[in-house]
Amino acid sequence: MSVETEQETFTLAEILAVVKESNKLILWNDETNTFDHVIHCLVKHLQYTEKQAERIAWKVHTEGKCTVLEGSYTEVEVYRKILKSEGLTVSLA
């Protein structure tokens, strides 16, 4: 009797992201999304107030990026996928 298991492969970046105590979700400026869409997504998915989301949108516009969430890799990755599905440009740091 033999048992075969599937082996998963991870990159060094993925491993380091998991072991870091805090991961950041970065929202990047792009030429695609409107202020209204960005604000809507931040309010809907990250439960920011309208005023907070507006400040974030302006910071992204003027500085090029803004951290919108900090937490565990799993939590941040879930929200990265959600915001990416909405068309926003996001990454983990």
N, C-alpha and C. Protein backbone atom coordinates (compact mmCIF):
# COMPACT_ATOMS: atom_id res chain seq x y z
N MET A 1 0.84 -1.18 0.00
CA MET A 1 0.00 0.00 0.00
C MET A 1 0.89 1.24 0.00
N SER A 2 0.58 2.19 -0.88
CA SER A 2 1.35 3.44 -0.89
C SER A 2 0.40 4.63 -0.82
N VAL A 3 0.87 5.67 -0.23
CA VAL A 3 0.08 6.88 -0.09
C VAL A 3 0.85 8.02 -0.77
N GLU A 4 0.17 8.70 -1.68
CA GLU A 4 0.78 9.83 -2.35
C GLU A 4 0.15 11.11 -1.81
N THR A 5 0.99 12.07 -1.56
CA THR A 5 0.48 13.36 -1.11
C THR A 5 0.91 14.43 -2.09
N GLU A 6 0.11 15.45 -2.16
CA GLU A 6 0.42 16.56 -3.05
C GLU A 6 1.32 17.52 -2.28
N GLN A 7 2.39 17.97 -2.90
CA GLN A 7 3.33 18.88 -2.25
C GLN A 7 3.08 20.30 -2.73
N GLU A 8 2.95 21.21 -1.76
CA GLU A 8 2.77 22.61 -2.09
C GLU A 8 4.12 23.31 -2.10
N THR A 9 4.26 24.26 -3.00
CA THR A 9 5.49 25.03 -3.08
C THR A 9 5.18 26.49 -2.79
N PHE A 10 6.01 27.11 -1.97
CA PHE A 10 5.82 28.51 -1.61
C PHE A 10 7.07 29.30 -1.97
N THR A 11 6.88 30.55 -2.34
CA THR A 11 8.03 31.42 -2.58
C THR A 11 8.53 31.96 -1.25
N LEU A 12 9.73 32.47 -1.24
CA LEU A 12 10.28 33.05 -0.03
C LEU A 12 9.43 34.23 0.43
N ALA A 13 8.95 35.03 -0.50
CA ALA A 13 8.10 36.18 -0.16
C ALA A 13 6.82 35.74 0.55
N GLU A 14 6.22 34.64 0.08
CA GLU A 14 5.00 34.13 0.70
C GLU A 14 5.28 33.63 2.11
N ILE A 15 6.38 32.95 2.30
CA ILE A 15 6.73 32.44 3.62
C ILE A 15 7.00 33.58 4.59
N LEU A 16 7.76 34.57 4.15
CA LEU A 16 8.05 35.71 5.01
C LEU A 16 6.80 36.51 5.35
N ALA A 17 5.89 36.61 4.41
CA ALA A 17 4.64 37.35 4.66
C ALA A 17 3.82 36.67 5.75
N VAL A 18 3.82 35.36 5.77
CA VAL A 18 3.04 34.62 6.76
C VAL A 18 3.65 34.76 8.15
N VAL A 19 4.97 34.77 8.26
CA VAL A 19 5.61 34.82 9.57
C VAL A 19 5.75 36.24 10.11
N LYS A 20 5.58 37.24 9.27
CA LYS A 20 5.62 38.62 9.75
C LYS A 20 4.46 38.84 10.71
N GLU A 21 4.69 39.64 11.73
CA GLU A 21 3.64 39.91 12.70
C GLU A 21 2.51 40.75 12.11
N SER A 22 2.87 41.67 11.25
CA SER A 22 1.86 42.55 10.68
C SER A 22 2.11 42.71 9.18
N ASN A 23 1.08 42.54 8.42
CA ASN A 23 1.14 42.73 6.97
C ASN A 23 0.29 43.94 6.63
N LYS A 24 0.66 44.64 5.56
CA LYS A 24 -0.05 45.84 5.16
C LYS A 24 -0.67 45.65 3.79
N LEU A 25 -1.87 46.18 3.64
CA LEU A 25 -2.54 46.22 2.35
C LEU A 25 -2.38 47.64 1.82
N ILE A 26 -1.71 47.75 0.68
CA ILE A 26 -1.42 49.06 0.08
C ILE A 26 -2.35 49.28 -1.11
N LEU A 27 -3.01 50.43 -1.11
CA LEU A 27 -3.84 50.87 -2.24
C LEU A 27 -3.00 51.84 -3.05
N TRP A 28 -2.89 51.58 -4.36
CA TRP A 28 -2.06 52.38 -5.27
C TRP A 28 -2.92 53.27 -6.15
N ASN A 29 -2.34 54.39 -6.52
CA ASN A 29 -2.99 55.28 -7.47
C ASN A 29 -2.96 54.64 -8.85
N ASP A 30 -4.00 54.82 -9.62
CA ASP A 30 -4.02 54.37 -11.00
C ASP A 30 -4.85 55.34 -11.83
N GLU A 31 -4.81 55.16 -13.11
CA GLU A 31 -5.53 56.06 -14.02
C GLU A 31 -6.90 55.49 -14.39
N THR A 32 -7.29 54.40 -13.74
CA THR A 32 -8.51 53.70 -14.11
C THR A 32 -9.71 54.04 -13.22
N ASN A 33 -9.49 54.00 -11.91
CA ASN A 33 -10.61 54.12 -10.96
C ASN A 33 -10.91 55.56 -10.58
N THR A 34 -12.20 55.84 -10.45
CA THR A 34 -12.63 57.18 -10.04
C THR A 34 -12.57 57.30 -8.52
N PHE A 35 -12.58 58.54 -8.04
CA PHE A 35 -12.62 58.77 -6.59
C PHE A 35 -13.86 58.09 -6.01
N ASP A 36 -14.99 58.25 -6.68
CA ASP A 36 -16.24 57.68 -6.17
C ASP A 36 -16.16 56.17 -6.03
N HIS A 37 -15.55 55.50 -7.01
CA HIS A 37 -15.44 54.04 -6.95
C HIS A 37 -14.53 53.60 -5.80
N VAL A 38 -13.40 54.28 -5.65
CA VAL A 38 -12.46 53.96 -4.57
C VAL A 38 -13.15 54.16 -3.22
N ILE A 39 -13.81 55.28 -3.04
CA ILE A 39 -14.51 55.58 -1.79
C ILE A 39 -15.58 54.53 -1.52
N HIS A 40 -16.36 54.21 -2.53
CA HIS A 40 -17.41 53.20 -2.40
C HIS A 40 -16.83 51.87 -1.92
N CYS A 41 -15.73 51.43 -2.52
CA CYS A 41 -15.11 50.14 -2.16
C CYS A 41 -14.57 50.16 -0.73
N LEU A 42 -13.96 51.26 -0.32
CA LEU A 42 -13.41 51.36 1.03
C LEU A 42 -14.52 51.33 2.08
N VAL A 43 -15.62 51.99 1.78
CA VAL A 43 -16.76 52.00 2.71
C VAL A 43 -17.43 50.62 2.75
N LYS A 44 -17.66 50.06 1.59
CA LYS A 44 -18.36 48.78 1.48
C LYS A 44 -17.56 47.61 2.08
N HIS A 45 -16.30 47.51 1.76
CA HIS A 45 -15.53 46.33 2.13
C HIS A 45 -14.68 46.49 3.39
N LEU A 46 -14.21 47.70 3.66
CA LEU A 46 -13.34 47.90 4.83
C LEU A 46 -14.03 48.70 5.94
N GLN A 47 -15.30 49.01 5.74
CA GLN A 47 -16.13 49.69 6.73
C GLN A 47 -15.56 51.05 7.18
N TYR A 48 -14.87 51.73 6.27
CA TYR A 48 -14.46 53.10 6.56
C TYR A 48 -15.69 53.99 6.46
N THR A 49 -15.66 55.12 7.19
CA THR A 49 -16.73 56.10 7.00
C THR A 49 -16.48 56.79 5.65
N GLU A 50 -17.47 57.47 5.18
CA GLU A 50 -17.35 58.21 3.92
C GLU A 50 -16.19 59.22 4.00
N LYS A 51 -16.10 59.91 5.12
CA LYS A 51 -15.06 60.93 5.32
C LYS A 51 -13.66 60.29 5.35
N GLN A 52 -13.50 59.17 6.05
CA GLN A 52 -12.22 58.46 6.10
C GLN A 52 -11.81 57.98 4.71
N ALA A 53 -12.77 57.39 4.00
CA ALA A 53 -12.49 56.87 2.66
C ALA A 53 -12.10 58.00 1.71
N GLU A 54 -12.73 59.15 1.87
CA GLU A 54 -12.40 60.31 1.04
C GLU A 54 -10.96 60.77 1.30
N ARG A 55 -10.56 60.81 2.58
CA ARG A 55 -9.18 61.20 2.92
C ARG A 55 -8.17 60.22 2.34
N ILE A 56 -8.48 58.92 2.41
CA ILE A 56 -7.60 57.90 1.85
C ILE A 56 -7.47 58.09 0.34
N ALA A 57 -8.61 58.30 -0.33
CA ALA A 57 -8.60 58.49 -1.78
C ALA A 57 -7.72 59.68 -2.17
N TRP A 58 -7.81 60.77 -1.42
CA TRP A 58 -6.98 61.94 -1.71
C TRP A 58 -5.51 61.65 -1.46
N LYS A 59 -5.21 60.91 -0.39
CA LYS A 59 -3.82 60.57 -0.09
C LYS A 59 -3.24 59.70 -1.21
N VAL A 60 -4.01 58.73 -1.68
CA VAL A 60 -3.57 57.89 -2.79
C VAL A 60 -3.32 58.74 -4.02
N HIS A 61 -4.22 59.66 -4.29
CA HIS A 61 -4.10 60.53 -5.45
C HIS A 61 -2.86 61.42 -5.38
N THR A 62 -2.58 61.98 -4.21
CA THR A 62 -1.47 62.94 -4.09
C THR A 62 -0.12 62.27 -3.80
N GLU A 63 -0.13 61.15 -3.05
CA GLU A 63 1.13 60.51 -2.67
C GLU A 63 1.42 59.23 -3.45
N GLY A 64 0.43 58.74 -4.19
CA GLY A 64 0.64 57.56 -5.01
C GLY A 64 0.24 56.24 -4.39
N LYS A 65 0.13 56.23 -3.04
CA LYS A 65 -0.26 55.00 -2.36
C LYS A 65 -0.67 55.33 -0.93
N CYS A 66 -1.34 54.35 -0.29
CA CYS A 66 -1.75 54.51 1.10
C CYS A 66 -2.01 53.12 1.68
N THR A 67 -1.56 52.92 2.92
CA THR A 67 -1.89 51.68 3.63
C THR A 67 -3.35 51.77 4.06
N VAL A 68 -4.15 50.77 3.69
CA VAL A 68 -5.58 50.80 4.03
C VAL A 68 -5.95 49.75 5.07
N LEU A 69 -5.04 48.81 5.34
CA LEU A 69 -5.34 47.76 6.33
C LEU A 69 -4.04 47.14 6.80
N GLU A 70 -3.97 46.84 8.09
CA GLU A 70 -2.84 46.09 8.66
C GLU A 70 -3.43 44.92 9.43
N GLY A 71 -2.76 43.77 9.33
CA GLY A 71 -3.23 42.60 10.05
C GLY A 71 -2.47 41.36 9.67
N SER A 72 -3.06 40.23 9.98
CA SER A 72 -2.43 38.95 9.65
C SER A 72 -2.40 38.77 8.13
N TYR A 73 -1.52 37.92 7.68
CA TYR A 73 -1.43 37.66 6.24
C TYR A 73 -2.77 37.21 5.69
N THR A 74 -3.42 36.30 6.39
CA THR A 74 -4.70 35.74 5.91
C THR A 74 -5.75 36.83 5.76
N GLU A 75 -5.88 37.68 6.78
CA GLU A 75 -6.87 38.75 6.74
C GLU A 75 -6.58 39.73 5.61
N VAL A 76 -5.33 40.16 5.52
CA VAL A 76 -4.96 41.14 4.51
C VAL A 76 -5.11 40.55 3.10
N GLU A 77 -4.76 39.30 2.93
CA GLU A 77 -4.87 38.65 1.62
C GLU A 77 -6.33 38.54 1.17
N VAL A 78 -7.23 38.27 2.10
CA VAL A 78 -8.66 38.20 1.76
C VAL A 78 -9.12 39.55 1.21
N TYR A 79 -8.77 40.63 1.90
CA TYR A 79 -9.19 41.95 1.44
C TYR A 79 -8.47 42.38 0.17
N ARG A 80 -7.24 41.93 -0.01
CA ARG A 80 -6.53 42.22 -1.26
C ARG A 80 -7.31 41.64 -2.44
N LYS A 81 -7.75 40.40 -2.29
CA LYS A 81 -8.50 39.75 -3.36
C LYS A 81 -9.83 40.45 -3.62
N ILE A 82 -10.49 40.86 -2.55
CA ILE A 82 -11.79 41.55 -2.70
C ILE A 82 -11.61 42.87 -3.44
N LEU A 83 -10.64 43.68 -3.00
CA LEU A 83 -10.44 44.99 -3.63
C LEU A 83 -9.93 44.84 -5.06
N LYS A 84 -9.09 43.84 -5.29
CA LYS A 84 -8.62 43.57 -6.65
C LYS A 84 -9.79 43.19 -7.56
N SER A 85 -10.73 42.40 -7.03
CA SER A 85 -11.91 42.01 -7.84
C SER A 85 -12.78 43.21 -8.18
N GLU A 86 -12.67 44.28 -7.40
CA GLU A 86 -13.39 45.52 -7.67
C GLU A 86 -12.62 46.41 -8.67
N GLY A 87 -11.42 45.96 -9.07
CA GLY A 87 -10.65 46.70 -10.05
C GLY A 87 -9.60 47.63 -9.45
N LEU A 88 -9.47 47.63 -8.12
CA LEU A 88 -8.49 48.51 -7.49
C LEU A 88 -7.09 47.91 -7.59
N THR A 89 -6.09 48.76 -7.57
CA THR A 89 -4.70 48.32 -7.63
C THR A 89 -4.18 48.24 -6.20
N VAL A 90 -3.95 47.01 -5.73
CA VAL A 90 -3.55 46.78 -4.34
C VAL A 90 -2.41 45.78 -4.28
N SER A 91 -1.63 45.84 -3.19
CA SER A 91 -0.55 44.89 -2.98
C SER A 91 -0.32 44.71 -1.49
N LEU A 92 0.42 43.68 -1.14
CA LEU A 92 0.80 43.41 0.25
C LEU A 92 2.22 43.92 0.49
N ALA A 93 2.43 44.41 1.70
CA ALA A 93 3.78 44.83 2.09
C ALA A 93 4.08 44.29 3.47
